[in-house]
N, C-alpha and C. Protein backbone atom coordinates (compact mmCIF):
# COMPACT_ATOMS: atom_id res chain seq x y z
N MET A 1 -5.76 23.08 27.22
CA MET A 1 -4.72 22.38 25.85
C MET A 1 -5.26 21.72 25.26
N LYS A 2 -5.77 20.61 25.63
CA LYS A 2 -6.15 19.64 24.32
C LYS A 2 -7.41 20.19 23.82
N LEU A 3 -8.09 21.06 23.73
CA LEU A 3 -9.38 21.31 23.11
C LEU A 3 -7.99 22.31 21.93
N LYS A 4 -7.17 22.81 22.24
CA LYS A 4 -6.19 23.31 20.84
C LYS A 4 -5.44 22.27 20.01
N ASN A 5 -5.11 20.91 20.84
CA ASN A 5 -4.74 20.24 19.98
C ASN A 5 -5.40 19.51 19.28
N ILE A 6 -6.94 19.27 19.34
CA ILE A 6 -7.96 18.83 18.80
C ILE A 6 -7.96 19.72 17.54
N TRP A 7 -8.46 20.83 17.99
CA TRP A 7 -8.43 22.14 16.77
C TRP A 7 -7.40 21.86 15.88
N SER A 8 -6.13 22.08 16.18
CA SER A 8 -4.80 21.59 15.82
C SER A 8 -4.87 20.43 14.33
N GLU A 9 -5.18 19.69 14.61
CA GLU A 9 -5.56 18.28 14.33
C GLU A 9 -6.69 17.98 13.22
N LEU A 10 -7.33 18.80 13.20
CA LEU A 10 -8.74 19.21 12.64
C LEU A 10 -8.36 19.81 11.33
N LYS A 11 -7.83 21.08 11.78
CA LYS A 11 -6.98 21.65 10.74
C LYS A 11 -6.07 20.62 9.74
N LYS A 12 -5.71 20.09 9.99
CA LYS A 12 -4.71 18.95 9.36
C LYS A 12 -5.41 17.90 8.29
N THR A 13 -6.36 17.88 8.79
CA THR A 13 -7.54 16.91 8.12
C THR A 13 -7.72 17.24 6.70
N ASN A 14 -7.35 16.13 5.96
CA ASN A 14 -7.99 16.32 4.52
C ASN A 14 -9.73 16.14 4.64
N TRP A 15 -10.32 16.92 4.18
CA TRP A 15 -11.65 16.99 3.83
C TRP A 15 -12.35 16.46 2.63
N PRO A 16 -12.92 15.60 2.21
CA PRO A 16 -13.46 15.16 1.10
C PRO A 16 -14.13 16.47 0.87
N SER A 17 -14.32 16.38 -0.94
CA SER A 17 -14.67 17.33 -1.55
C SER A 17 -16.47 17.09 -1.91
N LYS A 18 -17.18 17.90 -2.26
CA LYS A 18 -18.65 18.14 -2.36
C LYS A 18 -18.90 16.54 -3.30
N LYS A 19 -17.94 16.69 -4.40
CA LYS A 19 -18.32 15.86 -5.46
C LYS A 19 -17.57 14.66 -4.49
N GLN A 20 -16.96 14.34 -4.16
CA GLN A 20 -16.74 12.88 -3.50
C GLN A 20 -17.77 12.55 -2.55
N ILE A 21 -17.63 13.33 -1.86
CA ILE A 21 -19.08 12.77 -0.60
C ILE A 21 -20.53 12.20 -1.35
N VAL A 22 -20.83 13.31 -2.56
CA VAL A 22 -21.95 12.53 -3.36
C VAL A 22 -21.81 11.17 -3.93
N GLN A 23 -20.44 11.08 -4.83
CA GLN A 23 -20.19 10.12 -4.87
C GLN A 23 -19.98 8.55 -4.18
N LEU A 24 -19.81 9.35 -2.78
CA LEU A 24 -19.62 7.85 -1.97
C LEU A 24 -21.16 7.55 -1.30
N THR A 25 -21.77 8.92 -1.35
CA THR A 25 -23.00 8.88 -0.83
C THR A 25 -23.92 7.75 -1.91
N ILE A 26 -23.70 7.73 -3.10
CA ILE A 26 -24.51 7.16 -4.35
C ILE A 26 -23.77 5.67 -4.42
N TYR A 27 -22.94 5.83 -4.36
CA TYR A 27 -22.27 4.22 -3.63
C TYR A 27 -22.93 3.52 -2.67
N THR A 28 -22.98 3.86 -1.48
CA THR A 28 -23.19 3.28 -0.42
C THR A 28 -25.07 3.15 -0.49
N LEU A 29 -25.47 4.04 -1.16
CA LEU A 29 -27.17 3.80 -1.26
C LEU A 29 -27.07 2.62 -2.05
N VAL A 30 -26.32 2.33 -3.40
CA VAL A 30 -26.28 1.36 -4.52
C VAL A 30 -26.36 -0.24 -3.79
N LEU A 31 -25.23 -0.08 -3.08
CA LEU A 31 -24.57 -1.40 -2.24
C LEU A 31 -25.61 -1.29 -1.33
N CYS A 32 -26.31 -0.97 -0.13
CA CYS A 32 -27.01 -0.96 0.28
C CYS A 32 -28.85 -1.93 -0.01
N GLY A 33 -28.56 -1.04 -1.30
CA GLY A 33 -29.86 -1.39 -2.32
C GLY A 33 -29.18 -3.12 -2.81
N ILE A 34 -28.59 -3.32 -3.02
CA ILE A 34 -27.82 -4.18 -3.64
C ILE A 34 -28.11 -5.89 -2.39
N ILE A 35 -28.01 -5.67 -1.15
CA ILE A 35 -27.70 -6.04 -0.32
C ILE A 35 -28.94 -6.41 0.07
N THR A 36 -29.79 -5.40 0.28
CA THR A 36 -31.28 -5.75 0.51
C THR A 36 -31.90 -6.53 -0.18
N MET A 37 -31.90 -6.56 -1.62
CA MET A 37 -32.47 -7.36 -2.52
C MET A 37 -32.07 -8.54 -2.34
N LEU A 38 -30.67 -8.72 -1.87
CA LEU A 38 -30.40 -10.05 -1.82
C LEU A 38 -31.03 -10.93 -0.68
N ILE A 39 -30.42 -10.04 0.66
CA ILE A 39 -31.62 -10.67 1.96
C ILE A 39 -33.15 -10.81 1.46
N VAL A 40 -33.40 -9.93 0.61
CA VAL A 40 -35.00 -10.41 0.46
C VAL A 40 -35.22 -11.49 -0.31
N GLY A 41 -34.32 -11.88 -1.51
CA GLY A 41 -34.21 -12.74 -2.25
C GLY A 41 -34.67 -14.15 -1.51
N LEU A 42 -33.00 -14.13 -0.42
CA LEU A 42 -32.84 -15.30 0.20
C LEU A 42 -34.07 -15.79 1.27
N ASP A 43 -34.88 -14.51 1.86
CA ASP A 43 -35.77 -14.64 2.47
C ASP A 43 -36.61 -15.65 2.40
N LEU A 44 -37.23 -14.84 0.77
CA LEU A 44 -38.37 -15.95 -0.15
C LEU A 44 -38.08 -16.88 -0.16
N LEU A 45 -36.73 -17.36 -0.70
CA LEU A 45 -36.36 -18.49 -0.99
C LEU A 45 -36.42 -19.86 -0.06
N PHE A 46 -36.17 -19.46 0.80
CA PHE A 46 -36.05 -20.17 2.12
C PHE A 46 -37.66 -20.15 2.69
N PHE A 47 -38.20 -18.85 2.51
CA PHE A 47 -39.90 -19.32 2.95
C PHE A 47 -40.44 -20.33 2.36
N ASN A 48 -39.94 -20.10 0.69
CA ASN A 48 -40.63 -21.22 0.28
C ASN A 48 -40.21 -22.34 0.13
N ILE A 49 -39.32 -22.76 0.57
CA ILE A 49 -38.16 -23.90 0.83
C ILE A 49 -39.34 -24.46 2.03
N ARG A 50 -39.08 -23.50 2.93
CA ARG A 50 -39.55 -24.35 4.15
C ARG A 50 -41.59 -24.29 3.84
N ASP A 51 -42.09 -23.50 3.24
CA ASP A 51 -43.72 -24.53 3.31
C ASP A 51 -43.28 -25.67 2.11
N TRP A 52 -42.63 -25.59 1.23
CA TRP A 52 -42.81 -26.73 0.30
C TRP A 52 -42.52 -28.28 1.41
N PHE A 53 -41.49 -27.65 2.62
CA PHE A 53 -41.97 -29.04 3.29
C PHE A 53 -42.34 -29.40 4.02
N LEU A 54 -43.02 -28.72 4.62
CA LEU A 54 -44.38 -28.27 5.76
C LEU A 54 -45.39 -28.82 4.45
N ASN A 55 -45.71 -28.82 3.49
CA ASN A 55 -47.07 -28.95 3.11
C ASN A 55 -46.32 -30.51 2.32
N LEU A 56 -45.79 -31.33 2.55
CA LEU A 56 -45.77 -32.61 1.68
C LEU A 56 -46.43 -33.93 2.66
């Protein structure tokens, strides 16, 4: 009985088109790349600041 309800709800779902999936995947990858560059940049900055203080 519950499986029948799940199946009927899945039929009512509006699934994204292939074009929307591709666009959202590209947006996600670009955003992940930007966040990665930000984290790497901050990591390098803090690493250099730490080394500068240790070499005083």
